[in-house]
N, C-alpha and C. Protein backbone atom coordinates (compact mmCIF):
# COMPACT_ATOMS: atom_id res chain seq x y z
N MET A 1 -55.95 -96.92 100.67
CA MET A 1 -55.40 -95.80 101.44
C MET A 1 -53.97 -95.52 100.97
N THR A 2 -53.69 -94.28 100.69
CA THR A 2 -52.34 -93.92 100.29
C THR A 2 -51.51 -93.63 101.52
N SER A 3 -50.21 -93.51 101.34
CA SER A 3 -49.33 -93.27 102.47
C SER A 3 -49.51 -91.88 103.07
N GLU A 4 -50.16 -90.98 102.31
CA GLU A 4 -50.36 -89.62 102.81
C GLU A 4 -51.60 -89.51 103.69
N GLU A 5 -52.50 -90.49 103.61
CA GLU A 5 -53.73 -90.44 104.38
C GLU A 5 -53.50 -90.91 105.81
N ILE A 6 -54.20 -90.26 106.73
CA ILE A 6 -54.11 -90.65 108.13
C ILE A 6 -55.36 -91.42 108.51
N ALA A 7 -55.20 -92.62 109.00
CA ALA A 7 -56.35 -93.42 109.41
C ALA A 7 -56.94 -92.83 110.68
N PRO A 8 -58.26 -92.82 110.79
CA PRO A 8 -58.91 -92.25 111.99
C PRO A 8 -58.43 -92.94 113.26
N GLY A 9 -58.04 -92.14 114.24
CA GLY A 9 -57.61 -92.68 115.51
C GLY A 9 -56.18 -93.16 115.55
N CYS A 10 -55.49 -93.07 114.42
CA CYS A 10 -54.10 -93.52 114.40
C CYS A 10 -53.15 -92.37 114.66
N CYS A 11 -51.96 -92.71 115.03
CA CYS A 11 -50.91 -91.73 115.29
C CYS A 11 -50.61 -90.93 114.04
N CYS A 12 -50.46 -89.61 114.19
CA CYS A 12 -50.18 -88.77 113.03
C CYS A 12 -48.71 -88.86 112.62
N THR A 13 -47.88 -89.48 113.45
CA THR A 13 -46.47 -89.63 113.12
C THR A 13 -46.22 -90.91 112.34
N CYS A 14 -46.71 -92.03 112.87
CA CYS A 14 -46.45 -93.31 112.20
C CYS A 14 -47.71 -93.91 111.58
N ASN A 15 -48.86 -93.24 111.77
CA ASN A 15 -50.13 -93.72 111.22
C ASN A 15 -50.48 -95.12 111.73
N GLY A 16 -49.99 -95.44 112.92
CA GLY A 16 -50.29 -96.73 113.52
C GLY A 16 -49.47 -97.88 112.97
N SER A 17 -48.57 -97.58 112.03
CA SER A 17 -47.80 -98.65 111.39
C SER A 17 -46.37 -98.73 111.89
N GLY A 18 -45.92 -97.72 112.59
CA GLY A 18 -44.58 -97.75 113.18
C GLY A 18 -43.51 -97.16 112.29
N LEU A 19 -42.59 -96.46 112.90
CA LEU A 19 -41.46 -95.88 112.17
C LEU A 19 -40.13 -96.40 112.70
N ASP A 20 -40.17 -97.29 113.68
CA ASP A 20 -38.93 -97.70 114.34
C ASP A 20 -38.39 -99.03 113.84
N GLY A 21 -38.91 -99.52 112.74
CA GLY A 21 -38.33 -100.70 112.11
C GLY A 21 -38.96 -102.02 112.53
N ASP A 22 -39.75 -102.04 113.61
CA ASP A 22 -40.36 -103.30 114.03
C ASP A 22 -41.82 -103.39 113.61
N GLY A 23 -42.33 -102.34 112.95
CA GLY A 23 -43.70 -102.36 112.45
C GLY A 23 -44.74 -102.26 113.55
N ASP A 24 -44.31 -101.90 114.76
CA ASP A 24 -45.25 -101.82 115.88
C ASP A 24 -45.78 -100.40 115.98
N THR A 25 -45.16 -99.58 116.78
CA THR A 25 -45.55 -98.18 116.91
C THR A 25 -44.30 -97.35 117.06
N CYS A 26 -44.46 -96.04 116.96
CA CYS A 26 -43.32 -95.15 117.06
C CYS A 26 -43.17 -94.63 118.49
N ARG A 27 -42.14 -93.86 118.73
CA ARG A 27 -41.90 -93.33 120.08
C ARG A 27 -43.02 -92.41 120.55
N ASP A 28 -43.67 -91.71 119.61
CA ASP A 28 -44.78 -90.85 119.99
C ASP A 28 -45.93 -91.68 120.58
N CYS A 29 -46.13 -92.88 120.06
CA CYS A 29 -47.19 -93.75 120.56
C CYS A 29 -46.91 -94.16 122.01
N HIS A 30 -45.64 -94.28 122.35
CA HIS A 30 -45.25 -94.73 123.68
C HIS A 30 -44.98 -93.58 124.64
N GLY A 31 -45.12 -92.35 124.16
CA GLY A 31 -44.98 -91.20 125.03
C GLY A 31 -43.57 -90.68 125.17
N THR A 32 -42.67 -91.12 124.30
CA THR A 32 -41.29 -90.66 124.39
C THR A 32 -40.86 -89.85 123.17
N GLY A 33 -41.79 -89.60 122.25
CA GLY A 33 -41.49 -88.80 121.07
C GLY A 33 -41.89 -87.35 121.26
N ILE A 34 -41.57 -86.51 120.28
CA ILE A 34 -41.84 -85.08 120.43
C ILE A 34 -43.31 -84.75 120.20
N ASP A 35 -44.05 -85.65 119.58
CA ASP A 35 -45.48 -85.43 119.34
C ASP A 35 -46.31 -86.45 120.12
N ASN A 36 -45.93 -86.70 121.35
CA ASN A 36 -46.60 -87.68 122.19
C ASN A 36 -48.11 -87.49 122.18
N HIS A 37 -48.83 -88.55 121.78
CA HIS A 37 -50.29 -88.47 121.79
C HIS A 37 -50.89 -89.40 122.82
N GLY A 38 -50.07 -90.07 123.58
CA GLY A 38 -50.54 -90.86 124.71
C GLY A 38 -51.33 -92.11 124.37
N ALA A 39 -51.12 -92.66 123.18
CA ALA A 39 -51.84 -93.88 122.82
C ALA A 39 -51.24 -95.08 123.52
C-alpha cells in the first residue's frame, strides 16, 4: 500500500496511522478535527 491509498474503513485524514506524532489517531478520529468522522 502506498501512502496515497486509503485503507477501507480508515480515517481519510490520517489513514488510521495518526498525524499527531504518537502514531495513534488524529484529531478527526477523536471528533475534534475539522473532518470529524466519529471513529
